[in-house]
């Protein structure tokens, strides 16, 4: 299992944390944002692959913002997957 923390940009949520089992995403949690909606996203996406999450959420916007929590999550899982394959990856400390 590979754990990844992603600092969001342009959304109410601040950090997205999840685990990767190869390309399957598990144990998803959002810090900040719309609590009920993001719990639903976490539950619905648990067990999906990186490609499936990107296919469903990438490009979704929130109001006039150029992104959304879902779009940021799609970016996060791809970045996390790429990091999991990089032998030189060192996780940055994320302040809670």
PDB file of N, CA and C in Angstrom:
ATOM      1  N   UNK A   1       0.851  -1.184   0.000  1.00  0.00           N
ATOM      2  CA  UNK A   1       0.000   0.000   0.000  1.00  0.00           C
ATOM      3  C   UNK A   1       0.892   1.242   0.000  1.00  0.00           C
ATOM      4  N   UNK A   2       0.503   2.202  -0.785  1.00  0.00           N
ATOM      5  CA  UNK A   2       1.229   3.468  -0.906  1.00  0.00           C
ATOM      6  C   UNK A   2       0.301   4.582  -0.432  1.00  0.00           C
ATOM      7  N   UNK A   3       0.709   5.344   0.577  1.00  0.00           N
ATOM      8  CA  UNK A   3      -0.103   6.451   1.081  1.00  0.00           C
ATOM      9  C   UNK A   3       0.314   7.747   0.399  1.00  0.00           C
ATOM     10  N   UNK A   4      -0.683   8.583   0.065  1.00  0.00           N
ATOM     11  CA  UNK A   4      -0.396   9.856  -0.588  1.00  0.00           C
ATOM     12  C   UNK A   4      -1.282  10.954  -0.020  1.00  0.00           C
ATOM     13  N   UNK A   5      -0.679  12.102   0.248  1.00  0.00           N
ATOM     14  CA  UNK A   5      -1.392  13.305   0.676  1.00  0.00           C
ATOM     15  C   UNK A   5      -1.215  14.353  -0.404  1.00  0.00           C
ATOM     16  N   UNK A   6      -2.312  14.937  -0.828  1.00  0.00           N
ATOM     17  CA  UNK A   6      -2.308  15.924  -1.913  1.00  0.00           C
ATOM     18  C   UNK A   6      -2.861  17.242  -1.386  1.00  0.00           C
ATOM     19  N   UNK A   7      -2.089  18.309  -1.528  1.00  0.00           N
ATOM     20  CA  UNK A   7      -2.542  19.641  -1.139  1.00  0.00           C
ATOM     21  C   UNK A   7      -3.291  20.244  -2.327  1.00  0.00           C
ATOM     22  N   UNK A   8      -4.573  20.529  -2.127  1.00  0.00           N
ATOM     23  CA  UNK A   8      -5.416  21.025  -3.206  1.00  0.00           C
ATOM     24  C   UNK A   8      -5.123  22.491  -3.525  1.00  0.00           C
ATOM     25  N   UNK A   9      -5.583  22.910  -4.691  1.00  0.00           N
ATOM     26  CA  UNK A   9      -5.465  24.298  -5.125  1.00  0.00           C
ATOM     27  C   UNK A   9      -6.808  24.758  -5.668  1.00  0.00           C
ATOM     28  N   UNK A  10      -7.298  25.897  -5.167  1.00  0.00           N
ATOM     29  CA  UNK A  10      -8.512  26.490  -5.708  1.00  0.00           C
ATOM     30  C   UNK A  10      -9.814  25.889  -5.230  1.00  0.00           C
ATOM     31  N   UNK A  11      -9.778  25.137  -4.113  1.00  0.00           N
ATOM     32  CA  UNK A  11     -11.001  24.529  -3.592  1.00  0.00           C
ATOM     33  C   UNK A  11     -11.107  24.768  -2.091  1.00  0.00           C
ATOM     34  N   UNK A  12     -12.284  24.507  -1.550  1.00  0.00           N
ATOM     35  CA  UNK A  12     -12.495  24.628  -0.107  1.00  0.00           C
ATOM     36  C   UNK A  12     -11.769  23.521   0.655  1.00  0.00           C
ATOM     37  N   UNK A  13     -11.701  22.339   0.068  1.00  0.00           N
ATOM     38  CA  UNK A  13     -10.920  21.283   0.713  1.00  0.00           C
ATOM     39  C   UNK A  13      -9.449  21.661   0.618  1.00  0.00           C
ATOM     40  N   UNK A  14      -8.681  21.206   1.590  1.00  0.00           N
ATOM     41  CA  UNK A  14      -7.272  21.593   1.649  1.00  0.00           C
ATOM     42  C   UNK A  14      -6.320  20.452   1.345  1.00  0.00           C
ATOM     43  N   UNK A  15      -6.653  19.279   1.850  1.00  0.00           N
ATOM     44  CA  UNK A  15      -5.790  18.111   1.671  1.00  0.00           C
ATOM     45  C   UNK A  15      -6.656  16.902   1.354  1.00  0.00           C
ATOM     46  N   UNK A  16      -6.209  16.104   0.400  1.00  0.00           N
ATOM     47  CA  UNK A  16      -6.861  14.832   0.091  1.00  0.00           C
ATOM     48  C   UNK A  16      -5.850  13.736   0.400  1.00  0.00           C
ATOM     49  N   UNK A  17      -6.233  12.788   1.229  1.00  0.00           N
ATOM     50  CA  UNK A  17      -5.369  11.664   1.595  1.00  0.00           C
ATOM     51  C   UNK A  17      -6.006  10.371   1.103  1.00  0.00           C
ATOM     52  N   UNK A  18      -5.156   9.468   0.643  1.00  0.00           N
ATOM     53  CA  UNK A  18      -5.657   8.174   0.165  1.00  0.00           C
ATOM     54  C   UNK A  18      -4.510   7.183   0.094  1.00  0.00           C
ATOM     55  N   UNK A  19      -4.861   5.917  -0.056  1.00  0.00           N
ATOM     56  CA  UNK A  19      -3.893   4.849  -0.243  1.00  0.00           C
ATOM     57  C   UNK A  19      -4.082   4.278  -1.642  1.00  0.00           C
ATOM     58  N   UNK A  20      -2.990   3.797  -2.203  1.00  0.00           N
ATOM     59  CA  UNK A  20      -3.018   3.134  -3.505  1.00  0.00           C
ATOM     60  C   UNK A  20      -2.512   1.710  -3.351  1.00  0.00           C
ATOM     61  N   UNK A  21      -3.270   0.785  -3.885  1.00  0.00           N
ATOM     62  CA  UNK A  21      -2.845  -0.602  -3.998  1.00  0.00           C
ATOM     63  C   UNK A  21      -2.688  -0.824  -5.493  1.00  0.00           C
ATOM     64  N   UNK A  22      -1.495  -0.593  -6.004  1.00  0.00           N
ATOM     65  CA  UNK A  22      -1.193  -0.466  -7.432  1.00  0.00           C
ATOM     66  C   UNK A  22      -2.010   0.692  -7.969  1.00  0.00           C
ATOM     67  N   UNK A  23      -3.048   0.457  -8.783  1.00  0.00           N
ATOM     68  CA  UNK A  23      -3.838   1.583  -9.297  1.00  0.00           C
ATOM     69  C   UNK A  23      -5.231   1.663  -8.673  1.00  0.00           C
ATOM     70  N   UNK A  24      -5.463   0.910  -7.603  1.00  0.00           N
ATOM     71  CA  UNK A  24      -6.756   0.927  -6.909  1.00  0.00           C
ATOM     72  C   UNK A  24      -6.657   1.867  -5.709  1.00  0.00           C
ATOM     73  N   UNK A  25      -7.625   2.781  -5.611  1.00  0.00           N
ATOM     74  CA  UNK A  25      -7.617   3.821  -4.588  1.00  0.00           C
ATOM     75  C   UNK A  25      -8.482   3.392  -3.406  1.00  0.00           C
ATOM     76  N   UNK A  26      -7.936   3.551  -2.203  1.00  0.00           N
ATOM     77  CA  UNK A  26      -8.614   3.135  -0.971  1.00  0.00           C
ATOM     78  C   UNK A  26      -8.420   4.200   0.116  1.00  0.00           C
ATOM     79  N   UNK A  27      -9.233   4.123   1.154  1.00  0.00           N
ATOM     80  CA  UNK A  27      -9.071   4.938   2.365  1.00  0.00           C
ATOM     81  C   UNK A  27      -8.975   6.431   2.063  1.00  0.00           C
ATOM     82  N   UNK A  28      -9.942   6.940   1.330  1.00  0.00           N
ATOM     83  CA  UNK A  28      -9.947   8.327   0.866  1.00  0.00           C
ATOM     84  C   UNK A  28     -10.510   9.233   1.959  1.00  0.00           C
ATOM     85  N   UNK A  29      -9.835  10.351   2.202  1.00  0.00           N
ATOM     86  CA  UNK A  29     -10.378  11.353   3.118  1.00  0.00           C
ATOM     87  C   UNK A  29     -10.001  12.750   2.639  1.00  0.00           C
ATOM     88  N   UNK A  30     -10.928  13.662   2.837  1.00  0.00           N
ATOM     89  CA  UNK A  30     -10.738  15.066   2.485  1.00  0.00           C
ATOM     90  C   UNK A  30     -10.676  15.875   3.771  1.00  0.00           C
ATOM     91  N   UNK A  31      -9.754  16.827   3.835  1.00  0.00           N
ATOM     92  CA  UNK A  31      -9.705  17.764   4.950  1.00  0.00           C
ATOM     93  C   UNK A  31     -10.280  19.078   4.445  1.00  0.00           C
ATOM     94  N   UNK A  32     -11.353  19.541   5.084  1.00  0.00           N
ATOM     95  CA  UNK A  32     -12.033  20.751   4.646  1.00  0.00           C
ATOM     96  C   UNK A  32     -13.035  20.429   3.556  1.00  0.00           C
ATOM     97  N   UNK A  33     -13.700  21.459   3.079  1.00  0.00           N
ATOM     98  CA  UNK A  33     -14.678  21.275   2.019  1.00  0.00           C
ATOM     99  C   UNK A  33     -16.042  20.908   2.559  1.00  0.00           C
ATOM    100  N   UNK A  34     -16.930  20.517   1.681  1.00  0.00           N
ATOM    101  CA  UNK A  34     -18.316  20.158   2.021  1.00  0.00           C
ATOM    102  C   UNK A  34     -18.341  18.742   2.576  1.00  0.00           C
ATOM    103  N   UNK A  35     -18.406  18.628   3.878  1.00  0.00           N
ATOM    104  CA  UNK A  35     -18.230  17.363   4.582  1.00  0.00           C
ATOM    105  C   UNK A  35     -19.089  16.228   4.026  1.00  0.00           C
ATOM    106  N   UNK A  36     -20.390  16.436   3.922  1.00  0.00           N
ATOM    107  CA  UNK A  36     -21.276  15.361   3.457  1.00  0.00           C
ATOM    108  C   UNK A  36     -20.991  14.948   2.033  1.00  0.00           C
ATOM    109  N   UNK A  37     -20.820  15.912   1.148  1.00  0.00           N
ATOM    110  CA  UNK A  37     -20.548  15.606  -0.253  1.00  0.00           C
ATOM    111  C   UNK A  37     -19.230  14.865  -0.410  1.00  0.00           C
ATOM    112  N   UNK A  38     -18.217  15.299   0.316  1.00  0.00           N
ATOM    113  CA  UNK A  38     -16.905  14.670   0.153  1.00  0.00           C
ATOM    114  C   UNK A  38     -16.842  13.296   0.808  1.00  0.00           C
ATOM    115  N   UNK A  39     -17.649  13.067   1.843  1.00  0.00           N
ATOM    116  CA  UNK A  39     -17.763  11.710   2.390  1.00  0.00           C
ATOM    117  C   UNK A  39     -18.402  10.801   1.344  1.00  0.00           C
ATOM    118  N   UNK A  40     -19.391  11.337   0.631  1.00  0.00           N
ATOM    119  CA  UNK A  40     -20.043  10.547  -0.420  1.00  0.00           C
ATOM    120  C   UNK A  40     -19.063  10.224  -1.540  1.00  0.00           C
ATOM    121  N   UNK A  41     -18.295  11.220  -1.988  1.00  0.00           N
ATOM    122  CA  UNK A  41     -17.289  10.992  -3.034  1.00  0.00           C
ATOM    123  C   UNK A  41     -16.300   9.926  -2.562  1.00  0.00           C
ATOM    124  N   UNK A  42     -15.847  10.047  -1.323  1.00  0.00           N
ATOM    125  CA  UNK A  42     -14.886   9.080  -0.772  1.00  0.00           C
ATOM    126  C   UNK A  42     -15.457   7.670  -0.781  1.00  0.00           C
ATOM    127  N   UNK A  43     -16.700   7.526  -0.355  1.00  0.00           N
ATOM    128  CA  UNK A  43     -17.336   6.213  -0.302  1.00  0.00           C
ATOM    129  C   UNK A  43     -17.551   5.644  -1.701  1.00  0.00           C
ATOM    130  N   UNK A  44     -18.047   6.476  -2.610  1.00  0.00           N
ATOM    131  CA  UNK A  44     -18.328   6.006  -3.970  1.00  0.00           C
ATOM    132  C   UNK A  44     -17.059   5.633  -4.735  1.00  0.00           C
ATOM    133  N   UNK A  45     -15.970   6.335  -4.477  1.00  0.00           N
ATOM    134  CA  UNK A  45     -14.734   6.103  -5.231  1.00  0.00           C
ATOM    135  C   UNK A  45     -13.829   5.046  -4.610  1.00  0.00           C
ATOM    136  N   UNK A  46     -14.084   4.658  -3.359  1.00  0.00           N
ATOM    137  CA  UNK A  46     -13.246   3.651  -2.716  1.00  0.00           C
ATOM    138  C   UNK A  46     -13.290   2.355  -3.523  1.00  0.00           C
ATOM    139  N   UNK A  47     -12.139   1.864  -3.926  1.00  0.00           N
ATOM    140  CA  UNK A  47     -12.035   0.633  -4.708  1.00  0.00           C
ATOM    141  C   UNK A  47     -11.976   0.863  -6.207  1.00  0.00           C
ATOM    142  N   UNK A  48     -12.139   2.106  -6.639  1.00  0.00           N
ATOM    143  CA  UNK A  48     -12.041   2.412  -8.071  1.00  0.00           C
ATOM    144  C   UNK A  48     -10.570   2.552  -8.457  1.00  0.00           C
ATOM    145  N   UNK A  49     -10.296   2.426  -9.743  1.00  0.00           N
ATOM    146  CA  UNK A  49      -8.933   2.622 -10.235  1.00  0.00           C
ATOM    147  C   UNK A  49      -8.694   4.111 -10.510  1.00  0.00           C
ATOM    148  N   UNK A  50      -7.437   4.448 -10.667  1.00  0.00           N
ATOM    149  CA  UNK A  50      -7.049   5.813 -11.015  1.00  0.00           C
ATOM    150  C   UNK A  50      -7.744   6.233 -12.310  1.00  0.00           C
ATOM    151  N   UNK A  51      -7.725   5.378 -13.318  1.00  0.00           N
ATOM    152  CA  UNK A  51      -8.362   5.704 -14.602  1.00  0.00           C
ATOM    153  C   UNK A  51      -9.866   5.919 -14.448  1.00  0.00           C
ATOM    154  N   UNK A  52     -10.519   5.109 -13.637  1.00  0.00           N
ATOM    155  CA  UNK A  52     -11.962   5.259 -13.433  1.00  0.00           C
ATOM    156  C   UNK A  52     -12.285   6.589 -12.763  1.00  0.00           C
ATOM    157  N   UNK A  53     -11.510   6.955 -11.753  1.00  0.00           N
ATOM    158  CA  UNK A  53     -11.736   8.216 -11.049  1.00  0.00           C
ATOM    159  C   UNK A  53     -11.486   9.392 -11.983  1.00  0.00           C
ATOM    160  N   UNK A  54     -10.415   9.339 -12.740  1.00  0.00           N
ATOM    161  CA  UNK A  54     -10.155  10.412 -13.717  1.00  0.00           C
ATOM    162  C   UNK A  54     -11.306  10.518 -14.717  1.00  0.00           C
ATOM    163  N   UNK A  55     -11.789   9.390 -15.196  1.00  0.00           N
ATOM    164  CA  UNK A  55     -12.862   9.386 -16.182  1.00  0.00           C
ATOM    165  C   UNK A  55     -14.153   9.999 -15.663  1.00  0.00           C
ATOM    166  N   UNK A  56     -14.415   9.841 -14.380  1.00  0.00           N
ATOM    167  CA  UNK A  56     -15.646  10.358 -13.783  1.00  0.00           C
ATOM    168  C   UNK A  56     -15.521  11.806 -13.308  1.00  0.00           C
ATOM    169  N   UNK A  57     -14.364  12.201 -12.765  1.00  0.00           N
ATOM    170  CA  UNK A  57     -14.271  13.467 -12.039  1.00  0.00           C
ATOM    171  C   UNK A  57     -13.409  14.550 -12.683  1.00  0.00           C
ATOM    172  N   UNK A  58     -12.491  14.167 -13.544  1.00  0.00           N
ATOM    173  CA  UNK A  58     -11.582  15.157 -14.132  1.00  0.00           C
ATOM    174  C   UNK A  58     -12.370  16.179 -14.959  1.00  0.00           C
ATOM    175  N   UNK A  59     -12.102  17.441 -14.720  1.00  0.00           N
ATOM    176  CA  UNK A  59     -12.729  18.513 -15.488  1.00  0.00           C
ATOM    177  C   UNK A  59     -14.010  19.068 -14.895  1.00  0.00           C
ATOM    178  N   UNK A  60     -14.507  18.489 -13.806  1.00  0.00           N
ATOM    179  CA  UNK A  60     -15.700  19.031 -13.157  1.00  0.00           C
ATOM    180  C   UNK A  60     -15.330  20.351 -12.478  1.00  0.00           C
ATOM    181  N   UNK A  61     -16.172  21.354 -12.667  1.00  0.00           N
ATOM    182  CA  UNK A  61     -15.921  22.675 -12.094  1.00  0.00           C
ATOM    183  C   UNK A  61     -16.891  22.947 -10.949  1.00  0.00           C
ATOM    184  N   UNK A  62     -16.524  23.877 -10.080  1.00  0.00           N
ATOM    185  CA  UNK A  62     -17.354  24.298  -8.957  1.00  0.00           C
ATOM    186  C   UNK A  62     -17.669  25.782  -9.143  1.00  0.00           C
ATOM    187  N   UNK A  63     -18.885  26.060  -9.556  1.00  0.00           N
ATOM    188  CA  UNK A  63     -19.260  27.457  -9.804  1.00  0.00           C
ATOM    189  C   UNK A  63     -18.364  28.075 -10.859  1.00  0.00           C
ATOM    190  N   UNK A  64     -17.817  29.223 -10.540  1.00  0.00           N
ATOM    191  CA  UNK A  64     -16.930  29.932 -11.475  1.00  0.00           C
ATOM    192  C   UNK A  64     -15.459  29.536 -11.322  1.00  0.00           C
ATOM    193  N   UNK A  65     -15.188  28.659 -10.398  1.00  0.00           N
ATOM    194  CA  UNK A  65     -13.798  28.229 -10.187  1.00  0.00           C
ATOM    195  C   UNK A  65     -13.344  27.351 -11.349  1.00  0.00           C
ATOM    196  N   UNK A  66     -12.060  27.386 -11.641  1.00  0.00           N
ATOM    197  CA  UNK A  66     -11.546  26.566 -12.750  1.00  0.00           C
ATOM    198  C   UNK A  66     -11.308  25.101 -12.365  1.00  0.00           C
ATOM    199  N   UNK A  67     -11.766  24.690 -11.178  1.00  0.00           N
ATOM    200  CA  UNK A  67     -11.572  23.337 -10.678  1.00  0.00           C
ATOM    201  C   UNK A  67     -12.676  23.029  -9.677  1.00  0.00           C
ATOM    202  N   UNK A  68     -12.613  21.875  -9.047  1.00  0.00           N
ATOM    203  CA  UNK A  68     -13.548  21.470  -7.991  1.00  0.00           C
ATOM    204  C   UNK A  68     -12.828  20.453  -7.120  1.00  0.00           C
ATOM    205  N   UNK A  69     -13.466  20.069  -6.022  1.00  0.00           N
ATOM    206  CA  UNK A  69     -12.868  19.026  -5.183  1.00  0.00           C
ATOM    207  C   UNK A  69     -12.746  17.711  -5.960  1.00  0.00           C
ATOM    208  N   UNK A  70     -13.749  17.402  -6.771  1.00  0.00           N
ATOM    209  CA  UNK A  70     -13.683  16.191  -7.591  1.00  0.00           C
ATOM    210  C   UNK A  70     -12.558  16.246  -8.604  1.00  0.00           C
ATOM    211  N   UNK A  71     -12.421  17.382  -9.274  1.00  0.00           N
ATOM    212  CA  UNK A  71     -11.341  17.569 -10.246  1.00  0.00           C
ATOM    213  C   UNK A  71      -9.983  17.481  -9.554  1.00  0.00           C
ATOM    214  N   UNK A  72      -9.868  18.088  -8.380  1.00  0.00           N
ATOM    215  CA  UNK A  72      -8.623  18.008  -7.626  1.00  0.00           C
ATOM    216  C   UNK A  72      -8.328  16.572  -7.207  1.00  0.00           C
ATOM    217  N   UNK A  73      -9.363  15.819  -6.869  1.00  0.00           N
ATOM    218  CA  UNK A  73      -9.185  14.415  -6.507  1.00  0.00           C
ATOM    219  C   UNK A  73      -8.670  13.615  -7.696  1.00  0.00           C
ATOM    220  N   UNK A  74      -9.221  13.875  -8.879  1.00  0.00           N
ATOM    221  CA  UNK A  74      -8.739  13.196 -10.089  1.00  0.00           C
ATOM    222  C   UNK A  74      -7.261  13.514 -10.330  1.00  0.00           C
ATOM    223  N   UNK A  75      -6.892  14.759 -10.143  1.00  0.00           N
ATOM    224  CA  UNK A  75      -5.474  15.144 -10.290  1.00  0.00           C
ATOM    225  C   UNK A  75      -4.614  14.466  -9.222  1.00  0.00           C
ATOM    226  N   UNK A  76      -5.156  14.408  -8.001  1.00  0.00           N
ATOM    227  CA  UNK A  76      -4.419  13.821  -6.883  1.00  0.00           C
ATOM    228  C   UNK A  76      -4.106  12.348  -7.103  1.00  0.00           C
ATOM    229  N   UNK A  77      -5.110  11.583  -7.558  1.00  0.00           N
ATOM    230  CA  UNK A  77      -4.871  10.147  -7.725  1.00  0.00           C
ATOM    231  C   UNK A  77      -3.868   9.875  -8.840  1.00  0.00           C
ATOM    232  N   UNK A  78      -3.887  10.676  -9.889  1.00  0.00           N
ATOM    233  CA  UNK A  78      -2.895  10.492 -10.956  1.00  0.00           C
ATOM    234  C   UNK A  78      -1.505  10.848 -10.446  1.00  0.00           C
ATOM    235  N   UNK A  79      -1.401  11.965  -9.734  1.00  0.00           N
ATOM    236  CA  UNK A  79      -0.105  12.367  -9.184  1.00  0.00           C
ATOM    237  C   UNK A  79       0.395  11.323  -8.185  1.00  0.00           C
ATOM    238  N   UNK A  80      -0.500  10.831  -7.335  1.00  0.00           N
ATOM    239  CA  UNK A  80      -0.121   9.804  -6.371  1.00  0.00           C
ATOM    240  C   UNK A  80       0.325   8.516  -7.044  1.00  0.00           C
ATOM    241  N   UNK A  81      -0.405   8.120  -8.075  1.00  0.00           N
ATOM    242  CA  UNK A  81      -0.033   6.907  -8.812  1.00  0.00           C
ATOM    243  C   UNK A  81       1.356   7.070  -9.432  1.00  0.00           C
ATOM    244  N   UNK A  82       1.604   8.216 -10.063  1.00  0.00           N
ATOM    245  CA  UNK A  82       2.923   8.468 -10.657  1.00  0.00           C
ATOM    246  C   UNK A  82       4.014   8.467  -9.591  1.00  0.00           C
ATOM    247  N   UNK A  83       3.732   9.060  -8.439  1.00  0.00           N
ATOM    248  CA  UNK A  83       4.706   9.071  -7.347  1.00  0.00           C
ATOM    249  C   UNK A  83       4.980   7.652  -6.847  1.00  0.00           C
ATOM    250  N   UNK A  84       3.945   6.818  -6.823  1.00  0.00           N
ATOM    251  CA  UNK A  84       4.123   5.446  -6.333  1.00  0.00           C
ATOM    252  C   UNK A  84       5.047   4.627  -7.228  1.00  0.00           C
ATOM    253  N   UNK A  85       5.177   5.039  -8.478  1.00  0.00           N
ATOM    254  CA  UNK A  85       6.033   4.330  -9.428  1.00  0.00           C
ATOM    255  C   UNK A  85       7.441   4.926  -9.514  1.00  0.00           C
ATOM    256  N   UNK A  86       7.659   6.052  -8.822  1.00  0.00           N
ATOM    257  CA  UNK A  86       8.944   6.756  -8.858  1.00  0.00           C
ATOM    258  C   UNK A  86       9.818   6.281  -7.701  1.00  0.00           C
ATOM    259  N   UNK A  87      10.916   5.574  -7.982  1.00  0.00           N
ATOM    260  CA  UNK A  87      11.762   5.066  -6.900  1.00  0.00           C
ATOM    261  C   UNK A  87      12.434   6.177  -6.092  1.00  0.00           C
ATOM    262  N   UNK A  88      12.498   7.374  -6.628  1.00  0.00           N
ATOM    263  CA  UNK A  88      13.132   8.491  -5.936  1.00  0.00           C
ATOM    264  C   UNK A  88      12.143   9.368  -5.174  1.00  0.00           C
ATOM    265  N   UNK A  89      10.870   8.991  -5.162  1.00  0.00           N
ATOM    266  CA  UNK A  89       9.848   9.805  -4.492  1.00  0.00           C
ATOM    267  C   UNK A  89      10.066   9.821  -2.990  1.00  0.00           C
ATOM    268  N   UNK A  90      10.034  11.024  -2.432  1.00  0.00           N
ATOM    269  CA  UNK A  90      10.083  11.229  -0.985  1.00  0.00           C
ATOM    270  C   UNK A  90       8.890  12.086  -0.601  1.00  0.00           C
ATOM    271  N   UNK A  91       8.021  11.598   0.282  1.00  0.00           N
ATOM    272  CA  UNK A  91       6.841  12.380   0.640  1.00  0.00           C
ATOM    273  C   UNK A  91       7.206  13.668   1.385  1.00  0.00           C
ATOM    274  N   UNK A  92       6.460  14.734   1.071  1.00  0.00           N
ATOM    275  CA  UNK A  92       6.602  15.993   1.786  1.00  0.00           C
ATOM    276  C   UNK A  92       5.742  15.922   3.034  1.00  0.00           C
ATOM    277  N   UNK A  93       6.160  16.625   4.068  1.00  0.00           N
ATOM    278  CA  UNK A  93       5.332  16.701   5.277  1.00  0.00           C
ATOM    279  C   UNK A  93       4.134  17.586   4.977  1.00  0.00           C
ATOM    280  N   UNK A  94       2.962  17.137   5.389  1.00  0.00           N
ATOM    281  CA  UNK A  94       1.742  17.911   5.207  1.00  0.00           C
ATOM    282  C   UNK A  94       1.246  18.302   6.584  1.00  0.00           C
ATOM    283  N   UNK A  95       1.135  19.599   6.821  1.00  0.00           N
ATOM    284  CA  UNK A  95       0.643  20.083   8.112  1.00  0.00           C
ATOM    285  C   UNK A  95      -0.857  19.871   8.181  1.00  0.00           C
ATOM    286  N   UNK A  96      -1.315  19.261   9.266  1.00  0.00           N
ATOM    287  CA  UNK A  96      -2.767  19.038   9.433  1.00  0.00           C
ATOM    288  C   UNK A  96      -3.402  20.218  10.092  1.00  0.00           C
TER     289      UNK A  96
END
